[in-house]
C-alpha atoms as a PDB file:
ATOM      1  CA  MET A   1     -33.490  56.694 -45.577  1.00  0.00           C
ATOM      2  CA  THR A   2     -31.383  54.462 -47.794  1.00  0.00           C
ATOM      3  CA  ILE A   3     -32.889  52.759 -50.841  1.00  0.00           C
ATOM      4  CA  LEU A   4     -31.213  49.512 -51.839  1.00  0.00           C
ATOM      5  CA  MET A   5     -31.914  48.268 -55.372  1.00  0.00           C
ATOM      6  CA  ASP A   6     -31.326  45.168 -57.412  1.00  0.00           C
ATOM      7  CA  SER A   7     -32.831  44.185 -60.755  1.00  0.00           C
ATOM      8  CA  THR A   8     -36.081  42.886 -59.287  1.00  0.00           C
ATOM      9  CA  SER A   9     -36.901  44.864 -56.160  1.00  0.00           C
ATOM     10  CA  ILE A  10     -36.083  47.736 -53.863  1.00  0.00           C
ATOM     11  CA  LEU A  11     -35.558  47.351 -50.144  1.00  0.00           C
ATOM     12  CA  PHE A  12     -35.787  50.308 -47.801  1.00  0.00           C
ATOM     13  CA  GLY A  13     -33.294  50.247 -44.955  1.00  0.00           C
ATOM     14  CA  GLY A  14     -30.805  52.228 -42.920  1.00  0.00           C
ATOM     15  CA  PRO A  15     -29.709  54.820 -42.224  1.00  0.00           C
ATOM     16  CA  GLY A  16     -26.696  53.265 -40.590  1.00  0.00           C
ATOM     17  CA  LYS A  17     -24.949  54.909 -37.686  1.00  0.00           C
ATOM     18  CA  SER A  18     -22.199  53.883 -35.337  1.00  0.00           C
ATOM     19  CA  SER A  19     -23.685  51.882 -32.521  1.00  0.00           C
ATOM     20  CA  ASP A  20     -22.991  48.847 -30.318  1.00  0.00           C
ATOM     21  CA  ALA A  21     -20.757  47.143 -32.885  1.00  0.00           C
ATOM     22  CA  ALA A  22     -18.449  50.161 -33.078  1.00  0.00           C
ATOM     23  CA  ALA A  23     -18.107  50.132 -29.281  1.00  0.00           C
ATOM     24  CA  SER A  24     -17.355  46.408 -28.963  1.00  0.00           C
ATOM     25  CA  PRO A  25     -13.649  45.600 -28.424  1.00  0.00           C
ATOM     26  CA  ASP A  26     -14.131  42.177 -30.086  1.00  0.00           C
ATOM     27  CA  VAL A  27     -15.722  43.731 -33.169  1.00  0.00           C
ATOM     28  CA  LYS A  28     -13.118  46.511 -33.432  1.00  0.00           C
ATOM     29  CA  ALA A  29     -10.261  44.004 -33.111  1.00  0.00           C
ATOM     30  CA  ALA A  30     -11.767  41.731 -35.782  1.00  0.00           C
ATOM     31  CA  TYR A  31     -12.149  44.597 -38.248  1.00  0.00           C
ATOM     32  CA  SER A  32      -8.580  45.685 -37.547  1.00  0.00           C
ATOM     33  CA  ALA A  33      -7.267  42.142 -38.095  1.00  0.00           C
ATOM     34  CA  ARG A  34      -8.991  42.074 -41.505  1.00  0.00           C
ATOM     35  CA  ASN A  35      -7.769  45.572 -42.393  1.00  0.00           C
ATOM     36  CA  GLU A  36     -11.404  46.558 -42.975  1.00  0.00           C
ATOM     37  CA  GLU A  37     -12.906  49.865 -41.999  1.00  0.00           C
ATOM     38  CA  LEU A  38     -15.716  49.743 -39.438  1.00  0.00           C
ATOM     39  CA  VAL A  39     -18.369  51.837 -41.194  1.00  0.00           C
ATOM     40  CA  PRO A  40     -22.126  52.252 -40.701  1.00  0.00           C
ATOM     41  CA  LEU A  41     -23.987  49.391 -42.401  1.00  0.00           C
ATOM     42  CA  GLY A  42     -27.677  49.994 -41.746  1.00  0.00           C
ATOM     43  CA  VAL A  43     -30.438  47.424 -41.512  1.00  0.00           C
ATOM     44  CA  HIS A  44     -30.402  44.070 -43.293  1.00  0.00           C
ATOM     45  CA  GLY A  45     -33.759  42.412 -43.853  1.00  0.00           C
ATOM     46  CA  THR A  46     -37.279  43.720 -44.115  1.00  0.00           C
ATOM     47  CA  PHE A  47     -39.869  42.416 -41.655  1.00  0.00           C
ATOM     48  CA  VAL A  48     -37.166  40.499 -39.781  1.00  0.00           C
ATOM     49  CA  ALA A  49     -34.610  43.283 -39.673  1.00  0.00           C
ATOM     50  CA  VAL A  50     -31.136  43.138 -38.159  1.00  0.00           C
ATOM     51  CA  ASP A  51     -29.427  46.445 -37.474  1.00  0.00           C
ATOM     52  CA  TRP A  52     -25.899  45.476 -38.506  1.00  0.00           C
ATOM     53  CA  ASP A  53     -24.555  48.554 -36.709  1.00  0.00           C
ATOM     54  CA  SER A  54     -25.863  47.162 -33.432  1.00  0.00           C
ATOM     55  CA  CYS A  55     -25.097  43.487 -34.124  1.00  0.00           C
ATOM     56  CA  ILE A  56     -22.002  42.380 -32.190  1.00  0.00           C
ATOM     57  CA  ALA A  57     -21.987  38.833 -33.647  1.00  0.00           C
ATOM     58  CA  ASP A  58     -23.087  37.270 -30.364  1.00  0.00           C
ATOM     59  CA  GLY A  59     -25.023  34.622 -32.289  1.00  0.00           C
ATOM     60  CA  SER A  60     -27.781  34.021 -29.762  1.00  0.00           C
ATOM     61  CA  CYS A  61     -30.449  34.588 -32.392  1.00  0.00           C
ATOM     62  CA  LEU A  62     -29.332  31.660 -34.553  1.00  0.00           C
ATOM     63  CA  PRO A  63     -30.136  28.760 -32.180  1.00  0.00           C
ATOM     64  CA  ALA A  64     -33.095  30.633 -30.658  1.00  0.00           C
ATOM     65  CA  CYS A  65     -34.984  30.683 -33.961  1.00  0.00           C
ATOM     66  CA  PRO A  66     -37.123  27.534 -34.308  1.00  0.00           C
ATOM     67  CA  VAL A  67     -37.388  27.931 -38.103  1.00  0.00           C
ATOM     68  CA  ASN A  68     -33.756  28.886 -38.880  1.00  0.00           C
ATOM     69  CA  VAL A  69     -34.366  32.364 -40.269  1.00  0.00           C
ATOM     70  CA  PHE A  70     -30.740  33.439 -39.705  1.00  0.00           C
ATOM     71  CA  GLN A  71     -27.314  32.491 -40.981  1.00  0.00           C
ATOM     72  CA  TRP A  72     -23.875  34.084 -40.652  1.00  0.00           C
ATOM     73  CA  TYR A  73     -23.429  36.081 -43.846  1.00  0.00           C
ATOM     74  CA  ARG A  74     -19.633  35.627 -44.049  1.00  0.00           C
ATOM     75  CA  THR A  75     -19.923  31.822 -44.051  1.00  0.00           C
ATOM     76  CA  GLU A  76     -21.503  32.153 -47.497  1.00  0.00           C
ATOM     77  CA  ASN A  77     -20.087  35.453 -48.779  1.00  0.00           C
ATOM     78  CA  ASP A  78     -16.786  36.311 -47.101  1.00  0.00           C
ATOM     79  CA  VAL A  79     -16.753  39.928 -48.232  1.00  0.00           C
ATOM     80  CA  PRO A  80     -16.835  43.168 -46.236  1.00  0.00           C
ATOM     81  CA  ALA A  81     -20.312  43.794 -44.799  1.00  0.00           C
ATOM     82  CA  VAL A  82     -20.541  47.095 -46.649  1.00  0.00           C
ATOM     83  CA  ASP A  83     -20.499  45.065 -49.900  1.00  0.00           C
ATOM     84  CA  MET A  84     -23.592  43.112 -48.808  1.00  0.00           C
ATOM     85  CA  SER A  85     -26.033  46.031 -49.035  1.00  0.00           C
ATOM     86  CA  ASN A  86     -27.103  45.149 -52.575  1.00  0.00           C
ATOM     87  CA  THR A  87     -26.466  41.421 -52.357  1.00  0.00           C
ATOM     88  CA  VAL A  88     -28.864  38.586 -51.626  1.00  0.00           C
ATOM     89  CA  SER A  89     -27.419  35.402 -50.192  1.00  0.00           C
ATOM     90  CA  SER A  90     -28.666  32.042 -51.380  1.00  0.00           C
ATOM     91  CA  GLY A  91     -28.945  30.509 -47.912  1.00  0.00           C
ATOM     92  CA  ASN A  92     -25.934  28.174 -47.980  1.00  0.00           C
ATOM     93  CA  GLY A  93     -24.175  29.727 -44.984  1.00  0.00           C
ATOM     94  CA  ASN A  94     -23.687  28.280 -41.515  1.00  0.00           C
ATOM     95  CA  ALA A  95     -26.282  28.832 -38.818  1.00  0.00           C
ATOM     96  CA  GLY A  96     -24.622  27.609 -35.629  1.00  0.00           C
ATOM     97  CA  LYS A  97     -23.961  30.098 -32.845  1.00  0.00           C
ATOM     98  CA  GLU A  98     -20.230  29.406 -32.950  1.00  0.00           C
ATOM     99  CA  ASP A  99     -19.987  29.124 -36.759  1.00  0.00           C
ATOM    100  CA  ARG A 100     -19.212  32.803 -37.311  1.00  0.00           C
ATOM    101  CA  ILE A 101     -15.976  33.538 -39.146  1.00  0.00           C
ATOM    102  CA  ASP A 102     -15.061  36.292 -36.679  1.00  0.00           C
ATOM    103  CA  TYR A 103     -16.696  39.281 -34.989  1.00  0.00           C
ATOM    104  CA  THR A 104     -17.061  41.126 -38.304  1.00  0.00           C
ATOM    105  CA  ASP A 105     -19.682  38.535 -39.266  1.00  0.00           C
ATOM    106  CA  LYS A 106     -23.354  39.488 -38.990  1.00  0.00           C
ATOM    107  CA  SER A 107     -26.561  37.593 -38.505  1.00  0.00           C
ATOM    108  CA  ASP A 108     -28.374  37.606 -41.846  1.00  0.00           C
ATOM    109  CA  PRO A 109     -32.165  37.028 -41.855  1.00  0.00           C
ATOM    110  CA  ILE A 110     -31.887  35.082 -45.108  1.00  0.00           C
ATOM    111  CA  ARG A 111     -35.069  33.057 -44.556  1.00  0.00           C
ATOM    112  CA  GLU A 112     -37.196  35.816 -43.033  1.00  0.00           C
ATOM    113  CA  LYS A 113     -40.260  34.652 -44.972  1.00  0.00           C
ATOM    114  CA  ASP A 114     -40.224  31.524 -42.777  1.00  0.00           C
ATOM    115  CA  CYS A 115     -40.611  33.609 -39.587  1.00  0.00           C
ATOM    116  CA  ILE A 116     -43.427  32.464 -37.285  1.00  0.00           C
ATOM    117  CA  TRP A 117     -43.394  35.661 -35.177  1.00  0.00           C
ATOM    118  CA  CYS A 118     -42.331  33.910 -31.961  1.00  0.00           C
ATOM    119  CA  MET A 119     -39.948  36.804 -31.145  1.00  0.00           C
ATOM    120  CA  ALA A 120     -37.313  34.469 -29.659  1.00  0.00           C
ATOM    121  CA  CYS A 121     -34.556  36.230 -31.629  1.00  0.00           C
ATOM    122  CA  VAL A 122     -35.645  39.639 -30.364  1.00  0.00           C
ATOM    123  CA  THR A 123     -35.703  38.367 -26.793  1.00  0.00           C
ATOM    124  CA  VAL A 124     -32.195  36.853 -26.800  1.00  0.00           C
ATOM    125  CA  CYS A 125     -30.316  39.542 -28.743  1.00  0.00           C
ATOM    126  CA  PRO A 126     -28.059  41.282 -26.197  1.00  0.00           C
ATOM    127  CA  THR A 127     -28.001  44.574 -28.112  1.00  0.00           C
ATOM    128  CA  LYS A 128     -31.630  44.500 -29.305  1.00  0.00           C
ATOM    129  CA  ALA A 129     -30.375  44.675 -32.895  1.00  0.00           C
ATOM    130  CA  ILE A 130     -33.321  42.630 -34.220  1.00  0.00           C
ATOM    131  CA  LYS A 131     -36.766  43.993 -34.956  1.00  0.00           C
ATOM    132  CA  VAL A 132     -39.592  41.755 -36.129  1.00  0.00           C
ATOM    133  CA  GLU A 133     -42.528  43.671 -37.523  1.00  0.00           C
ATOM    134  CA  GLN A 134     -45.251  41.691 -39.224  1.00  0.00           C
ATOM    135  CA  HIS A 135     -46.913  44.860 -40.504  1.00  0.00           C
ATOM    136  CA  GLN A 136     -43.876  45.427 -42.749  1.00  0.00           C
ATOM    137  CA  ILE A 137     -44.851  42.511 -45.010  1.00  0.00           C
ATOM    138  CA  GLY A 138     -45.916  43.776 -48.390  1.00  0.00           C
ATOM    139  CA  ILE A 139     -45.037  47.435 -47.880  1.00  0.00           C
ATOM    140  CA  ILE A 140     -41.273  47.187 -47.810  1.00  0.00           C
ATOM    141  CA  GLN A 141     -40.594  45.328 -51.031  1.00  0.00           C
ATOM    142  CA  LEU A 142     -41.780  46.938 -54.236  1.00  0.00           C
ATOM    143  CA  PRO A 143     -41.405  45.629 -57.784  1.00  0.00           C
ATOM    144  CA  PHE A 144     -38.473  47.254 -59.539  1.00  0.00           C
ATOM    145  CA  SER A 145     -40.708  48.518 -62.361  1.00  0.00           C
ATOM    146  CA  VAL A 146     -42.921  50.372 -59.860  1.00  0.00           C
ATOM    147  CA  CYS A 147     -39.904  51.993 -58.243  1.00  0.00           C
ATOM    148  CA  VAL A 148     -38.560  53.158 -61.605  1.00  0.00           C
ATOM    149  CA  SER A 149     -41.944  54.550 -62.642  1.00  0.00           C
ATOM    150  CA  LYS A 150     -42.193  56.448 -59.332  1.00  0.00           C
ATOM    151  CA  GLY A 151     -38.700  57.882 -59.752  1.00  0.00           C
ATOM    152  CA  PHE A 152     -36.931  55.961 -56.952  1.00  0.00           C
END
């Protein structure tokens, strides 16, 4: 299990492994065009979690969500996905299905706290990269001070 930390909280995610994204010709070509290495990325999000190793940047989840939980991460932070593991976006990115920068982009559940548990995103995702688990609320995110005191 990977532990991702910032100055206020810890998010548990991963472990990443090669999956659907690594097998997609569109994704492989986009990484090659950017001269970026296609590496395991793990899960982004907590109770609305997107497995970025399975996400092929299809974009179906963006218009399916009635409360706009998702955005394309690269439309706000055009950096390699591996650099996003300890980064929180502010929510200024684009959320249209065709707004992705390229196939290295990933659906980012930036507004997951707005989720209404309709499961539309889970239903439309062609690779089943999205998991929505209401029971994860409150047990995934721990205050940084608690994590330090527990030795994480």
